[in-house]
N, C-alpha and C. Protein backbone atom coordinates (compact mmCIF):
# COMPACT_ATOMS: atom_id res chain seq x y z
N UNK A 1 148.43 90.54 161.54
CA UNK A 1 148.50 90.76 160.14
C UNK A 1 149.50 92.00 160.03
N UNK A 2 149.39 93.03 160.84
CA UNK A 2 150.02 94.21 160.57
C UNK A 2 151.74 93.78 160.62
N UNK A 3 152.10 92.67 161.60
CA UNK A 3 153.28 92.44 161.73
C UNK A 3 153.99 91.62 160.48
N UNK A 4 153.07 90.91 159.81
CA UNK A 4 153.47 90.26 158.57
C UNK A 4 153.81 91.16 157.45
N UNK A 5 152.83 92.12 157.31
CA UNK A 5 153.04 93.24 156.52
C UNK A 5 154.32 93.95 156.64
N UNK A 6 154.42 94.23 157.75
CA UNK A 6 155.75 95.08 157.98
C UNK A 6 157.03 94.27 157.56
N UNK A 7 156.96 93.02 158.04
CA UNK A 7 158.07 92.11 157.60
C UNK A 7 158.26 92.07 156.06
N UNK A 8 157.14 91.82 155.28
CA UNK A 8 157.21 91.86 153.99
C UNK A 8 157.86 93.30 153.15
N UNK A 9 157.29 94.44 153.82
CA UNK A 9 157.65 95.64 153.54
C UNK A 9 159.21 95.99 153.61
N UNK A 10 159.86 95.48 155.01
CA UNK A 10 161.21 95.74 155.08
C UNK A 10 161.98 94.75 154.27
N UNK A 11 161.64 93.51 154.16
CA UNK A 11 162.12 92.66 153.13
C UNK A 11 162.31 93.04 151.77
N UNK A 12 161.09 93.78 151.22
CA UNK A 12 161.21 94.20 150.04
C UNK A 12 162.28 95.31 150.00
N UNK A 13 162.11 96.10 150.75
CA UNK A 13 163.11 97.42 150.68
C UNK A 13 164.52 96.99 150.81
N UNK A 14 164.89 95.96 151.79
CA UNK A 14 166.21 95.45 151.72
C UNK A 14 166.63 94.77 150.41
N UNK A 15 165.83 94.00 149.76
CA UNK A 15 166.08 93.43 148.41
C UNK A 15 166.54 94.65 147.59
N UNK A 16 165.59 95.47 147.34
CA UNK A 16 165.77 96.67 146.61
C UNK A 16 167.02 97.36 146.80
N UNK A 17 167.54 97.64 147.83
CA UNK A 17 168.54 98.47 148.19
C UNK A 17 170.01 97.58 148.02
N UNK A 18 169.86 96.44 148.10
CA UNK A 18 171.13 95.66 147.86
C UNK A 18 171.16 94.92 146.35
N UNK A 19 169.99 95.43 145.60
CA UNK A 19 170.22 94.91 144.02
C UNK A 19 171.41 95.55 143.44
N UNK A 20 172.11 94.82 142.80
CA UNK A 20 173.15 95.50 141.95
C UNK A 20 172.99 96.53 141.00
N UNK A 21 171.80 96.45 140.46
CA UNK A 21 171.17 97.53 139.55
C UNK A 21 171.27 98.78 140.13
N UNK A 22 170.90 98.87 141.55
CA UNK A 22 170.86 100.27 142.31
C UNK A 22 172.22 100.40 142.87
N UNK A 23 173.36 99.58 142.68
CA UNK A 23 174.62 99.90 143.04
C UNK A 23 175.24 101.24 142.55
N UNK A 24 176.11 101.89 143.36
CA UNK A 24 176.86 102.94 142.92
C UNK A 24 178.22 102.63 142.23
N UNK A 25 178.42 101.30 141.82
CA UNK A 25 179.60 100.87 141.08
C UNK A 25 179.59 101.39 139.80
N UNK A 26 180.57 102.22 139.45
CA UNK A 26 180.76 102.90 138.07
C UNK A 26 181.02 102.17 137.25
N UNK A 27 181.90 101.03 137.47
CA UNK A 27 182.08 100.08 136.48
C UNK A 27 180.97 99.37 135.68
N UNK A 28 179.74 99.12 136.63
CA UNK A 28 178.67 98.53 136.13
C UNK A 28 177.99 99.52 135.19
N UNK A 29 177.98 100.80 135.55
CA UNK A 29 177.24 101.93 134.64
C UNK A 29 178.14 102.44 133.41
N UNK A 30 179.29 102.04 133.20
CA UNK A 30 180.10 102.44 132.16
C UNK A 30 179.54 101.87 130.97
N UNK A 31 179.46 102.99 129.95
CA UNK A 31 178.82 102.28 128.69
C UNK A 31 179.86 102.51 127.67
N UNK A 32 179.88 101.64 126.67
CA UNK A 32 180.92 101.46 125.85
C UNK A 32 180.19 101.61 124.40
N UNK A 33 181.10 102.20 123.45
CA UNK A 33 180.87 102.46 121.98
C UNK A 33 181.78 101.62 121.27
N UNK A 34 181.38 101.36 119.84
CA UNK A 34 182.02 100.91 118.98
C UNK A 34 182.62 101.95 118.03
N UNK A 35 183.95 101.99 117.71
CA UNK A 35 184.66 103.08 116.86
C UNK A 35 185.23 102.19 115.71
N UNK A 36 184.90 102.55 114.35
CA UNK A 36 185.29 102.05 113.19
C UNK A 36 186.15 102.94 112.32
N UNK A 37 187.30 103.24 112.59
CA UNK A 37 188.11 104.21 111.50
C UNK A 37 188.11 103.78 110.21
N UNK A 38 187.70 104.54 109.37
CA UNK A 38 187.62 104.25 107.88
C UNK A 38 187.00 102.81 107.53
N UNK A 39 186.18 102.51 108.33
CA UNK A 39 185.56 101.11 108.15
C UNK A 39 186.62 100.00 107.89
N UNK A 40 187.79 100.16 108.37
CA UNK A 40 188.95 99.19 107.97
C UNK A 40 189.02 98.17 109.24
N UNK A 41 188.74 98.62 110.43
CA UNK A 41 188.77 97.84 111.82
C UNK A 41 187.86 98.54 112.84
N UNK A 42 187.34 97.80 113.70
CA UNK A 42 186.46 98.32 114.69
C UNK A 42 187.11 97.76 115.96
N UNK A 43 186.75 98.72 117.17
CA UNK A 43 186.97 98.35 118.43
C UNK A 43 186.17 98.97 119.39
N UNK A 44 186.01 98.48 120.73
CA UNK A 44 184.96 99.07 121.65
C UNK A 44 185.75 99.72 122.60
N UNK A 45 185.24 100.84 123.23
CA UNK A 45 185.85 101.85 124.01
C UNK A 45 184.92 102.52 124.96
N UNK A 46 185.19 102.98 126.10
CA UNK A 46 184.37 103.62 127.13
C UNK A 46 183.80 104.94 126.48
N UNK A 47 182.47 105.17 126.55
CA UNK A 47 181.80 106.12 125.86
C UNK A 47 182.46 107.52 126.28
N UNK A 48 183.35 107.65 127.41
CA UNK A 48 183.97 108.82 127.69
C UNK A 48 185.09 109.32 126.97
N UNK A 49 185.55 108.09 126.23
CA UNK A 49 186.78 108.55 125.31
C UNK A 49 186.40 109.40 124.22
N UNK A 50 187.14 110.65 123.96
CA UNK A 50 186.82 111.51 122.92
C UNK A 50 188.01 111.54 121.83
N UNK A 51 187.39 111.46 120.67
CA UNK A 51 188.44 111.46 119.50
C UNK A 51 189.22 112.92 119.37
N UNK A 52 190.50 112.69 119.28
CA UNK A 52 191.46 113.67 119.06
C UNK A 52 191.76 113.96 117.76
N UNK A 53 192.15 115.19 117.31
CA UNK A 53 192.48 115.49 116.07
C UNK A 53 193.98 115.02 115.72
N UNK A 54 194.23 114.05 114.76
CA UNK A 54 195.58 113.50 114.46
C UNK A 54 195.60 113.32 113.14
N UNK A 55 196.78 113.74 112.47
CA UNK A 55 197.05 113.68 111.08
C UNK A 55 197.96 112.33 110.87
N UNK A 56 197.55 111.51 109.77
CA UNK A 56 198.21 110.46 109.46
C UNK A 56 198.40 110.35 108.04
N UNK A 57 199.73 110.18 107.45
CA UNK A 57 199.98 110.05 106.15
C UNK A 57 199.76 108.80 105.40
N UNK A 58 200.19 107.80 105.94
CA UNK A 58 200.27 106.33 105.17
C UNK A 58 199.61 105.46 105.79
N UNK A 59 198.82 105.72 106.93
CA UNK A 59 198.16 104.72 107.62
C UNK A 59 196.79 105.23 108.24
N UNK A 60 196.18 104.39 108.95
CA UNK A 60 194.76 104.76 109.60
C UNK A 60 195.41 104.95 110.96
N UNK A 61 195.18 106.03 111.50
CA UNK A 61 195.81 106.29 112.76
C UNK A 61 194.94 107.35 113.51
N UNK A 62 194.86 107.32 114.89
CA UNK A 62 193.97 108.04 115.53
C UNK A 62 194.39 107.99 117.06
N UNK A 63 193.67 108.98 117.88
CA UNK A 63 193.82 108.95 119.34
C UNK A 63 192.33 109.41 119.91
N UNK A 64 192.27 108.76 121.17
CA UNK A 64 191.03 108.93 122.00
C UNK A 64 191.48 109.12 123.27
N UNK A 65 190.80 110.09 123.93
CA UNK A 65 191.30 110.28 125.58
C UNK A 65 190.20 110.82 126.14
N UNK A 66 190.44 110.58 127.48
CA UNK A 66 189.62 111.12 128.51
C UNK A 66 190.46 111.38 129.69
N UNK A 67 190.01 111.61 130.88
CA UNK A 67 190.62 112.27 132.10
C UNK A 67 191.55 111.07 132.49
N UNK A 68 191.31 109.81 132.40
CA UNK A 68 192.08 108.61 132.81
C UNK A 68 192.97 107.77 131.75
N UNK A 69 193.05 108.19 130.55
CA UNK A 69 193.62 107.52 129.61
C UNK A 69 193.71 107.97 128.15
N UNK A 70 195.00 107.69 127.45
CA UNK A 70 195.00 108.03 126.08
C UNK A 70 195.25 106.69 125.42
N UNK A 71 194.41 106.63 124.41
CA UNK A 71 194.43 105.51 123.45
C UNK A 71 194.88 105.97 122.14
N UNK A 72 195.99 105.29 121.48
CA UNK A 72 196.33 105.68 120.05
C UNK A 72 196.41 104.49 119.32
N UNK A 73 195.99 104.30 118.05
CA UNK A 73 195.98 103.27 117.10
C UNK A 73 196.59 103.38 115.76
N UNK A 74 197.06 102.44 115.23
CA UNK A 74 197.80 102.85 113.97
C UNK A 74 197.73 101.43 113.01
N UNK A 75 197.11 101.59 111.98
CA UNK A 75 196.76 100.37 110.90
C UNK A 75 197.60 100.72 109.74
N UNK A 76 198.75 100.11 109.48
CA UNK A 76 199.37 100.55 108.34
C UNK A 76 201.01 100.01 108.33
N UNK A 77 201.70 100.29 107.06
CA UNK A 77 202.98 99.49 107.09
C UNK A 77 203.91 99.84 108.15
N UNK A 78 203.95 100.91 108.65
CA UNK A 78 204.73 101.25 109.83
C UNK A 78 204.28 101.47 111.22
N UNK A 79 203.15 100.63 111.47
CA UNK A 79 202.69 100.62 112.84
C UNK A 79 203.74 100.23 113.88
N UNK A 80 203.70 100.84 115.03
CA UNK A 80 204.78 100.71 115.84
C UNK A 80 204.86 99.19 116.51
N UNK A 81 205.99 98.87 116.88
CA UNK A 81 206.41 97.63 117.40
C UNK A 81 206.73 97.78 118.92
N UNK A 82 206.79 99.02 119.28
CA UNK A 82 207.02 99.49 120.67
C UNK A 82 208.23 98.96 121.30
N UNK A 83 209.31 99.30 120.52
CA UNK A 83 210.68 99.04 120.97
C UNK A 83 211.14 99.81 122.40
N UNK A 84 210.37 100.83 122.42
CA UNK A 84 210.79 101.57 123.54
C UNK A 84 210.19 101.05 124.84
N UNK A 85 209.37 100.00 124.91
CA UNK A 85 208.87 99.35 126.08
C UNK A 85 209.81 98.08 126.24
N UNK A 86 211.08 98.48 126.41
CA UNK A 86 211.96 97.17 126.53
C UNK A 86 211.90 96.46 127.71
N UNK A 87 211.44 96.95 128.79
CA UNK A 87 211.33 96.11 130.08
C UNK A 87 210.03 95.61 130.22
N UNK A 88 209.12 95.76 129.13
CA UNK A 88 207.73 95.24 129.41
C UNK A 88 207.63 93.93 129.40
N UNK A 89 206.54 93.45 130.26
CA UNK A 89 206.18 91.76 130.47
C UNK A 89 205.45 91.99 128.98
N UNK A 90 205.31 90.59 128.58
CA UNK A 90 205.12 90.17 127.07
C UNK A 90 203.82 89.05 127.30
N UNK A 91 202.79 89.25 126.47
CA UNK A 91 201.73 88.05 126.51
C UNK A 91 201.44 87.89 125.27
N UNK A 92 201.45 86.55 124.61
CA UNK A 92 200.75 86.43 123.29
C UNK A 92 199.31 86.15 123.22
N UNK A 93 198.73 86.86 122.23
CA UNK A 93 197.17 86.78 122.38
C UNK A 93 196.78 86.65 120.89
N UNK A 94 195.70 86.21 120.63
CA UNK A 94 195.00 85.96 119.24
C UNK A 94 194.04 87.06 119.25
N UNK A 95 193.94 87.89 118.15
CA UNK A 95 192.94 88.98 117.89
C UNK A 95 192.33 88.82 116.78
N UNK A 96 191.14 88.51 116.74
CA UNK A 96 190.28 88.28 115.24
C UNK A 96 190.91 87.44 114.46
N UNK A 97 191.72 86.51 115.01
CA UNK A 97 192.38 85.51 114.11
C UNK A 97 193.80 85.74 113.87
N UNK A 98 194.26 86.99 114.24
CA UNK A 98 195.61 87.35 114.18
C UNK A 98 196.48 87.33 115.41
N UNK A 99 197.60 86.66 115.27
CA UNK A 99 198.68 86.66 116.27
C UNK A 99 199.28 87.89 116.62
N UNK A 100 199.13 88.24 117.95
CA UNK A 100 199.64 89.44 118.46
C UNK A 100 200.28 89.34 119.76
N UNK A 101 200.77 90.39 120.11
CA UNK A 101 201.41 90.49 121.61
C UNK A 101 200.93 91.51 122.43
N UNK A 102 200.77 91.51 123.69
CA UNK A 102 200.43 92.64 124.59
C UNK A 102 201.77 92.90 125.47
N UNK A 103 202.03 94.01 125.30
CA UNK A 103 202.98 94.49 126.35
C UNK A 103 202.56 95.43 127.49
N UNK A 104 203.35 95.02 128.60
CA UNK A 104 202.75 95.93 130.03
C UNK A 104 203.91 96.52 130.45
N UNK A 105 204.05 97.98 130.55
CA UNK A 105 205.28 98.35 131.39
C UNK A 105 204.69 99.37 132.06
N UNK A 106 204.77 99.56 133.46
CA UNK A 106 204.44 100.67 134.09
C UNK A 106 202.85 101.07 133.91
N UNK A 107 202.51 102.32 133.47
CA UNK A 107 201.15 102.63 133.17
C UNK A 107 200.78 102.37 131.64
N UNK A 108 201.54 101.79 131.03
CA UNK A 108 201.12 101.33 129.51
C UNK A 108 200.81 100.07 129.15
N UNK A 109 200.05 99.85 128.29
CA UNK A 109 199.58 98.63 127.81
C UNK A 109 199.73 98.82 126.34
N UNK A 110 200.21 97.81 125.59
CA UNK A 110 200.44 98.18 124.21
C UNK A 110 200.16 96.76 123.59
N UNK A 111 199.45 96.85 122.18
CA UNK A 111 199.15 95.66 121.49
C UNK A 111 199.68 95.79 120.00
N UNK A 112 200.29 94.79 119.55
CA UNK A 112 201.05 94.90 118.41
C UNK A 112 200.65 93.58 117.59
N UNK A 113 200.26 93.62 116.59
CA UNK A 113 199.94 92.71 115.54
C UNK A 113 200.83 92.96 114.25
N UNK A 114 201.96 91.94 114.09
CA UNK A 114 202.85 92.52 112.91
C UNK A 114 202.39 92.04 111.46
N UNK A 115 201.39 91.32 111.27
CA UNK A 115 200.82 90.94 109.90
C UNK A 115 199.30 90.89 110.11
N UNK A 116 198.47 92.11 109.65
CA UNK A 116 197.01 92.01 109.49
C UNK A 116 196.73 91.33 108.05
N UNK A 117 197.38 92.15 107.21
CA UNK A 117 197.43 91.57 105.79
C UNK A 117 198.30 92.29 104.94
N UNK A 118 198.96 91.32 103.97
CA UNK A 118 200.01 91.78 103.24
C UNK A 118 201.16 92.57 104.09
N UNK A 119 201.42 93.86 103.96
CA UNK A 119 202.53 94.57 104.65
C UNK A 119 201.88 95.49 105.79
N UNK A 120 200.70 95.08 106.15
CA UNK A 120 199.97 95.88 107.01
C UNK A 120 200.20 95.31 108.52
N UNK A 121 200.64 96.26 109.45
CA UNK A 121 200.56 95.82 110.81
C UNK A 121 199.59 96.79 111.52
N UNK A 122 199.48 96.45 112.71
CA UNK A 122 198.43 97.13 113.61
C UNK A 122 199.20 97.25 114.94
N UNK A 123 198.71 98.44 115.56
CA UNK A 123 199.43 98.76 116.93
C UNK A 123 198.37 99.65 117.59
N UNK A 124 198.17 99.37 118.95
CA UNK A 124 197.53 100.22 119.88
C UNK A 124 198.13 100.47 121.19
N UNK A 125 198.06 101.54 121.56
CA UNK A 125 198.72 102.01 122.79
C UNK A 125 197.57 102.57 123.87
N UNK A 126 197.56 102.14 125.00
CA UNK A 126 196.82 102.76 126.19
C UNK A 126 197.74 103.10 127.22
N UNK A 127 197.61 104.47 127.46
CA UNK A 127 198.43 104.95 128.35
C UNK A 127 197.63 105.38 129.38
N UNK A 128 197.67 104.77 130.62
CA UNK A 128 196.79 105.29 131.70
C UNK A 128 197.42 106.57 132.41
N UNK A 129 196.77 107.51 132.94
CA UNK A 129 197.21 108.73 133.51
C UNK A 129 197.63 108.41 135.01
N UNK A 130 196.88 107.36 135.75
CA UNK A 130 197.07 107.01 136.87
C UNK A 130 197.59 105.54 137.02
N UNK A 131 196.84 104.74 137.72
CA UNK A 131 197.10 103.32 137.75
C UNK A 131 196.61 102.82 136.57
N UNK A 132 197.27 101.58 136.21
CA UNK A 132 196.96 100.87 134.98
C UNK A 132 195.62 99.91 135.30
N UNK A 133 194.54 99.89 134.46
CA UNK A 133 193.56 98.99 134.72
C UNK A 133 193.51 98.01 133.50
N UNK A 134 194.26 96.88 133.91
CA UNK A 134 194.37 95.74 132.96
C UNK A 134 193.19 94.99 132.50
N UNK A 135 192.00 95.04 133.26
CA UNK A 135 190.76 94.34 132.61
C UNK A 135 190.31 95.40 131.53
N UNK A 136 190.19 96.69 131.80
CA UNK A 136 189.63 97.77 130.43
C UNK A 136 190.51 97.64 129.60
N UNK A 137 192.02 97.75 129.68
CA UNK A 137 192.73 97.58 128.58
C UNK A 137 192.75 96.11 127.69
N UNK A 138 192.58 95.09 128.40
CA UNK A 138 192.37 93.99 127.60
C UNK A 138 191.06 93.95 126.97
N UNK A 139 189.84 94.22 127.65
CA UNK A 139 188.83 94.56 126.93
C UNK A 139 188.64 95.25 125.63
N UNK A 140 189.61 96.19 125.65
CA UNK A 140 189.61 97.09 124.50
C UNK A 140 190.35 96.46 123.17
N UNK A 141 191.37 95.82 123.72
CA UNK A 141 192.06 94.99 122.84
C UNK A 141 191.54 93.85 122.26
N UNK A 142 190.74 93.16 123.02
CA UNK A 142 190.04 91.90 122.78
C UNK A 142 188.79 92.21 121.83
N UNK A 143 188.47 93.56 121.79
CA UNK A 143 187.20 94.03 120.93
C UNK A 143 187.69 94.23 119.40
N UNK A 144 189.10 94.37 119.19
CA UNK A 144 189.40 94.80 118.02
C UNK A 144 188.86 93.70 117.00
N UNK A 145 188.34 94.21 115.86
CA UNK A 145 187.92 93.11 114.66
C UNK A 145 188.43 93.76 113.22
N UNK A 146 188.85 93.17 112.38
CA UNK A 146 189.49 93.72 111.27
C UNK A 146 188.36 93.41 110.24
N UNK A 147 188.20 94.44 109.03
CA UNK A 147 187.18 94.31 108.11
C UNK A 147 188.08 93.81 106.99
N UNK A 148 187.48 92.78 106.20
CA UNK A 148 188.10 92.22 105.00
C UNK A 148 188.47 93.22 104.06
């Protein structure tokens, strides 16, 4: 009987240590927050992003950053179309029912939506400080939701 108990105990500890909840994979442990600038739109971002002080005159604009990336957004008449990303790859996407484009060039990912409502456009740029993380960038972009 002691051999049976030993096998059960070893089996239990083996399952415990290979359980993904106990894994040291930081991607699983990342927490995300929702940010809703002026209650006009919302998007999700990693909790490590900190709001930077940015002044905007005629739009809702802001910047968040951490040690890995800088994220900027602009909802307004003159939101960027990212013409400076002239050699970027382009991908069409629908965000919250609006037709947009994702541009990717080097360590930058950009989202542009030409028409959110009336003369209002939307742009978001994620600039990774090291290597680009496509999954993280697309998760942020796909989480954008506009308020009526």
